[in-house]
């Protein structure tokens, strides 16, 4: 470990109690606060090159990482819940009208430019925009624009 890495590890260690307390507030004392703080510490370590001490303290930066992770986790859980509802036992079998609508939707989606289609399908499958950024290596603004333009085109197509 280099001297800089050792120094940064000490900063993370010193900030950890504050981040853990923040995570407890964020999760309202639920289980998972410790896990969230640990995830924030791990991400802070991996992203240490992005830390700018002129912008915030390490504890504030790690708190922001924890908050984003908490929000992303909530979004993923909501998508999983919606998906589980769609395929729940006893759910009505799709009828002919559903099959036609699904076919039309897939044709419309496949008519979109590849980047817009990929961004929309990733979101539909529960991938967060941050995860799409990592996977595609495209800027977050580009992912947001691709999703917006794709949605607008589908709306113009009547979907």
C-alpha atoms as a PDB file:
ATOM      1  CA  UNK A   1       0.000   0.000   0.000  1.00  0.00           C
ATOM      2  CA  UNK A   2       1.405   3.390  -0.974  1.00  0.00           C
ATOM      3  CA  UNK A   3       1.669   6.244   1.491  1.00  0.00           C
ATOM      4  CA  UNK A   4      -1.260   8.032  -0.232  1.00  0.00           C
ATOM      5  CA  UNK A   5      -3.418   4.907  -0.091  1.00  0.00           C
ATOM      6  CA  UNK A   6      -2.582   4.421   3.572  1.00  0.00           C
ATOM      7  CA  UNK A   7      -3.451   8.056   4.267  1.00  0.00           C
ATOM      8  CA  UNK A   8      -6.780   7.752   2.450  1.00  0.00           C
ATOM      9  CA  UNK A   9      -7.580   4.508   4.272  1.00  0.00           C
ATOM     10  CA  UNK A  10      -7.101   6.402   7.551  1.00  0.00           C
ATOM     11  CA  UNK A  11      -9.486   9.124   6.338  1.00  0.00           C
ATOM     12  CA  UNK A  12     -12.127   6.494   5.558  1.00  0.00           C
ATOM     13  CA  UNK A  13     -11.585   4.828   8.936  1.00  0.00           C
ATOM     14  CA  UNK A  14     -11.928   8.160  10.746  1.00  0.00           C
ATOM     15  CA  UNK A  15     -15.098   9.055   8.804  1.00  0.00           C
ATOM     16  CA  UNK A  16     -16.730   5.635   9.197  1.00  0.00           C
ATOM     17  CA  UNK A  17     -18.511   6.268  12.558  1.00  0.00           C
ATOM     18  CA  UNK A  18     -20.211   9.405  11.171  1.00  0.00           C
ATOM     19  CA  UNK A  19     -21.209   7.590   7.997  1.00  0.00           C
ATOM     20  CA  UNK A  20     -22.569   4.666  10.009  1.00  0.00           C
ATOM     21  CA  UNK A  21     -24.659   7.040  12.150  1.00  0.00           C
ATOM     22  CA  UNK A  22     -25.945   8.731   8.987  1.00  0.00           C
ATOM     23  CA  UNK A  23     -26.866   5.325   7.528  1.00  0.00           C
ATOM     24  CA  UNK A  24     -28.832   4.513  10.680  1.00  0.00           C
ATOM     25  CA  UNK A  25     -30.796   7.744  10.237  1.00  0.00           C
ATOM     26  CA  UNK A  26     -31.274   7.062   6.537  1.00  0.00           C
ATOM     27  CA  UNK A  27     -32.601   3.545   7.117  1.00  0.00           C
ATOM     28  CA  UNK A  28     -34.530   4.683  10.212  1.00  0.00           C
ATOM     29  CA  UNK A  29     -32.639   2.232  12.383  1.00  0.00           C
ATOM     30  CA  UNK A  30     -33.529  -0.778  10.242  1.00  0.00           C
ATOM     31  CA  UNK A  31     -31.212  -3.654   9.628  1.00  0.00           C
ATOM     32  CA  UNK A  32     -28.930  -2.864   6.777  1.00  0.00           C
ATOM     33  CA  UNK A  33     -27.462   0.378   8.094  1.00  0.00           C
ATOM     34  CA  UNK A  34     -24.146  -1.339   8.817  1.00  0.00           C
ATOM     35  CA  UNK A  35     -24.178  -2.967   5.383  1.00  0.00           C
ATOM     36  CA  UNK A  36     -24.912   0.390   3.766  1.00  0.00           C
ATOM     37  CA  UNK A  37     -22.024   2.034   5.630  1.00  0.00           C
ATOM     38  CA  UNK A  38     -19.713  -0.800   4.560  1.00  0.00           C
ATOM     39  CA  UNK A  39     -20.801  -0.442   0.925  1.00  0.00           C
ATOM     40  CA  UNK A  40     -20.131   3.309   1.133  1.00  0.00           C
ATOM     41  CA  UNK A  41     -16.655   2.666   2.539  1.00  0.00           C
ATOM     42  CA  UNK A  42     -15.873   0.118  -0.173  1.00  0.00           C
ATOM     43  CA  UNK A  43     -17.098   2.415  -2.949  1.00  0.00           C
ATOM     44  CA  UNK A  44     -15.179   5.346  -1.458  1.00  0.00           C
ATOM     45  CA  UNK A  45     -12.022   3.238  -1.511  1.00  0.00           C
ATOM     46  CA  UNK A  46     -12.583   2.125  -5.107  1.00  0.00           C
ATOM     47  CA  UNK A  47     -13.427   5.668  -6.209  1.00  0.00           C
ATOM     48  CA  UNK A  48     -10.754   7.409  -4.116  1.00  0.00           C
ATOM     49  CA  UNK A  49      -9.279   9.061  -7.211  1.00  0.00           C
ATOM     50  CA  UNK A  50     -12.560  10.977  -7.616  1.00  0.00           C
ATOM     51  CA  UNK A  51     -12.485  12.480  -4.114  1.00  0.00           C
ATOM     52  CA  UNK A  52     -11.898  16.229  -4.075  1.00  0.00           C
ATOM     53  CA  UNK A  53     -11.091  17.573  -0.591  1.00  0.00           C
ATOM     54  CA  UNK A  54     -11.956  21.112  -1.739  1.00  0.00           C
ATOM     55  CA  UNK A  55     -15.584  20.023  -2.350  1.00  0.00           C
ATOM     56  CA  UNK A  56     -16.418  18.184   0.896  1.00  0.00           C
ATOM     57  CA  UNK A  57     -15.110  16.204   3.822  1.00  0.00           C
ATOM     58  CA  UNK A  58     -14.577  12.466   3.433  1.00  0.00           C
ATOM     59  CA  UNK A  59     -17.535  11.762   5.748  1.00  0.00           C
ATOM     60  CA  UNK A  60     -19.839  13.985   3.654  1.00  0.00           C
ATOM     61  CA  UNK A  61     -18.599  12.379   0.433  1.00  0.00           C
ATOM     62  CA  UNK A  62     -19.131   8.894   1.857  1.00  0.00           C
ATOM     63  CA  UNK A  63     -22.556   9.958   3.129  1.00  0.00           C
ATOM     64  CA  UNK A  64     -23.494  10.989  -0.411  1.00  0.00           C
ATOM     65  CA  UNK A  65     -22.277   7.618  -1.694  1.00  0.00           C
ATOM     66  CA  UNK A  66     -24.400   5.863   0.959  1.00  0.00           C
ATOM     67  CA  UNK A  67     -27.453   7.976   0.106  1.00  0.00           C
ATOM     68  CA  UNK A  68     -27.175   7.188  -3.622  1.00  0.00           C
ATOM     69  CA  UNK A  69     -26.747   3.491  -2.844  1.00  0.00           C
ATOM     70  CA  UNK A  70     -29.796   3.568  -0.539  1.00  0.00           C
ATOM     71  CA  UNK A  71     -31.914   5.247  -3.240  1.00  0.00           C
ATOM     72  CA  UNK A  72     -30.696   2.831  -5.931  1.00  0.00           C
ATOM     73  CA  UNK A  73     -31.443  -0.139  -3.662  1.00  0.00           C
ATOM     74  CA  UNK A  74     -34.971   1.170  -3.068  1.00  0.00           C
ATOM     75  CA  UNK A  75     -35.540   1.589  -6.787  1.00  0.00           C
ATOM     76  CA  UNK A  76     -34.289  -1.920  -7.543  1.00  0.00           C
ATOM     77  CA  UNK A  77     -36.534  -3.349  -4.820  1.00  0.00           C
ATOM     78  CA  UNK A  78     -39.560  -1.490  -6.229  1.00  0.00           C
ATOM     79  CA  UNK A  79     -38.874  -2.847  -9.726  1.00  0.00           C
ATOM     80  CA  UNK A  80     -38.532  -6.384  -8.379  1.00  0.00           C
ATOM     81  CA  UNK A  81     -41.812  -5.985  -6.498  1.00  0.00           C
ATOM     82  CA  UNK A  82     -43.605  -4.771  -9.651  1.00  0.00           C
ATOM     83  CA  UNK A  83     -42.128  -7.646 -11.655  1.00  0.00           C
ATOM     84  CA  UNK A  84     -43.137 -10.189  -9.019  1.00  0.00           C
ATOM     85  CA  UNK A  85     -46.675  -8.813  -9.118  1.00  0.00           C
ATOM     86  CA  UNK A  86     -46.807  -9.274 -12.879  1.00  0.00           C
ATOM     87  CA  UNK A  87     -45.832 -12.925 -12.701  1.00  0.00           C
ATOM     88  CA  UNK A  88     -47.588 -13.766  -9.441  1.00  0.00           C
ATOM     89  CA  UNK A  89     -49.397 -17.106  -9.222  1.00  0.00           C
ATOM     90  CA  UNK A  90     -53.015 -16.769 -10.221  1.00  0.00           C
ATOM     91  CA  UNK A  91     -52.266 -13.870 -12.513  1.00  0.00           C
ATOM     92  CA  UNK A  92     -54.484 -14.043 -15.576  1.00  0.00           C
ATOM     93  CA  UNK A  93     -52.998 -15.543 -18.698  1.00  0.00           C
ATOM     94  CA  UNK A  94     -52.431 -13.009 -21.467  1.00  0.00           C
ATOM     95  CA  UNK A  95     -55.143 -13.009 -24.071  1.00  0.00           C
ATOM     96  CA  UNK A  96     -54.913 -12.347 -27.799  1.00  0.00           C
ATOM     97  CA  UNK A  97     -55.140  -8.589 -27.285  1.00  0.00           C
ATOM     98  CA  UNK A  98     -52.162  -8.680 -24.904  1.00  0.00           C
ATOM     99  CA  UNK A  99     -50.162 -10.756 -27.377  1.00  0.00           C
ATOM    100  CA  UNK A 100     -50.862  -8.280 -30.198  1.00  0.00           C
ATOM    101  CA  UNK A 101     -49.972  -5.317 -27.979  1.00  0.00           C
ATOM    102  CA  UNK A 102     -46.739  -7.009 -26.880  1.00  0.00           C
ATOM    103  CA  UNK A 103     -45.816  -7.735 -30.479  1.00  0.00           C
ATOM    104  CA  UNK A 104     -46.491  -4.135 -31.524  1.00  0.00           C
ATOM    105  CA  UNK A 105     -44.498  -2.826 -28.587  1.00  0.00           C
ATOM    106  CA  UNK A 106     -41.504  -5.025 -29.392  1.00  0.00           C
ATOM    107  CA  UNK A 107     -41.579  -3.973 -33.060  1.00  0.00           C
ATOM    108  CA  UNK A 108     -41.677  -0.314 -32.000  1.00  0.00           C
ATOM    109  CA  UNK A 109     -38.830  -0.779 -29.513  1.00  0.00           C
ATOM    110  CA  UNK A 110     -36.719  -2.586 -32.122  1.00  0.00           C
ATOM    111  CA  UNK A 111     -37.280   0.279 -34.566  1.00  0.00           C
ATOM    112  CA  UNK A 112     -35.488   2.670 -32.178  1.00  0.00           C
ATOM    113  CA  UNK A 113     -31.808   3.485 -32.667  1.00  0.00           C
ATOM    114  CA  UNK A 114     -29.618   0.929 -30.873  1.00  0.00           C
ATOM    115  CA  UNK A 115     -28.427   3.276 -28.109  1.00  0.00           C
ATOM    116  CA  UNK A 116     -31.981   4.410 -27.263  1.00  0.00           C
ATOM    117  CA  UNK A 117     -33.275   0.847 -27.374  1.00  0.00           C
ATOM    118  CA  UNK A 118     -30.473  -0.370 -25.090  1.00  0.00           C
ATOM    119  CA  UNK A 119     -31.080   2.455 -22.585  1.00  0.00           C
ATOM    120  CA  UNK A 120     -34.841   1.817 -22.484  1.00  0.00           C
ATOM    121  CA  UNK A 121     -34.556  -1.963 -22.230  1.00  0.00           C
ATOM    122  CA  UNK A 122     -31.973  -1.648 -19.466  1.00  0.00           C
ATOM    123  CA  UNK A 123     -34.371   0.547 -17.478  1.00  0.00           C
ATOM    124  CA  UNK A 124     -37.261  -1.835 -18.170  1.00  0.00           C
ATOM    125  CA  UNK A 125     -35.181  -4.710 -16.797  1.00  0.00           C
ATOM    126  CA  UNK A 126     -34.532  -2.789 -13.576  1.00  0.00           C
ATOM    127  CA  UNK A 127     -31.036  -1.536 -14.300  1.00  0.00           C
ATOM    128  CA  UNK A 128     -30.430   1.876 -12.743  1.00  0.00           C
ATOM    129  CA  UNK A 129     -29.026   4.674 -14.851  1.00  0.00           C
ATOM    130  CA  UNK A 130     -25.829   4.479 -12.804  1.00  0.00           C
ATOM    131  CA  UNK A 131     -25.496   0.788 -13.609  1.00  0.00           C
ATOM    132  CA  UNK A 132     -26.089   1.540 -17.299  1.00  0.00           C
ATOM    133  CA  UNK A 133     -23.309   4.166 -17.170  1.00  0.00           C
ATOM    134  CA  UNK A 134     -20.889   1.595 -15.771  1.00  0.00           C
ATOM    135  CA  UNK A 135     -21.912  -1.074 -18.284  1.00  0.00           C
ATOM    136  CA  UNK A 136     -21.861   1.157 -21.377  1.00  0.00           C
ATOM    137  CA  UNK A 137     -19.179   3.622 -20.262  1.00  0.00           C
ATOM    138  CA  UNK A 138     -21.420   6.429 -21.592  1.00  0.00           C
ATOM    139  CA  UNK A 139     -21.930   9.651 -19.596  1.00  0.00           C
ATOM    140  CA  UNK A 140     -24.983   9.781 -17.317  1.00  0.00           C
ATOM    141  CA  UNK A 141     -26.435  12.699 -19.305  1.00  0.00           C
ATOM    142  CA  UNK A 142     -26.257  10.628 -22.493  1.00  0.00           C
ATOM    143  CA  UNK A 143     -28.087   7.716 -20.846  1.00  0.00           C
ATOM    144  CA  UNK A 144     -30.816  10.060 -19.606  1.00  0.00           C
ATOM    145  CA  UNK A 145     -31.146  11.672 -23.044  1.00  0.00           C
ATOM    146  CA  UNK A 146     -31.320   8.312 -24.809  1.00  0.00           C
ATOM    147  CA  UNK A 147     -34.065   7.124 -22.494  1.00  0.00           C
ATOM    148  CA  UNK A 148     -36.021  10.365 -22.875  1.00  0.00           C
ATOM    149  CA  UNK A 149     -35.734  10.400 -26.683  1.00  0.00           C
ATOM    150  CA  UNK A 150     -36.669   6.711 -26.879  1.00  0.00           C
ATOM    151  CA  UNK A 151     -39.755   7.265 -24.698  1.00  0.00           C
ATOM    152  CA  UNK A 152     -40.779  10.275 -26.790  1.00  0.00           C
ATOM    153  CA  UNK A 153     -40.500   8.256 -30.003  1.00  0.00           C
ATOM    154  CA  UNK A 154     -42.568   5.408 -28.529  1.00  0.00           C
ATOM    155  CA  UNK A 155     -45.218   7.904 -27.418  1.00  0.00           C
ATOM    156  CA  UNK A 156     -45.345   9.368 -30.935  1.00  0.00           C
ATOM    157  CA  UNK A 157     -45.871   5.824 -32.214  1.00  0.00           C
ATOM    158  CA  UNK A 158     -48.925   5.563 -29.965  1.00  0.00           C
ATOM    159  CA  UNK A 159     -47.416   3.416 -27.221  1.00  0.00           C
END
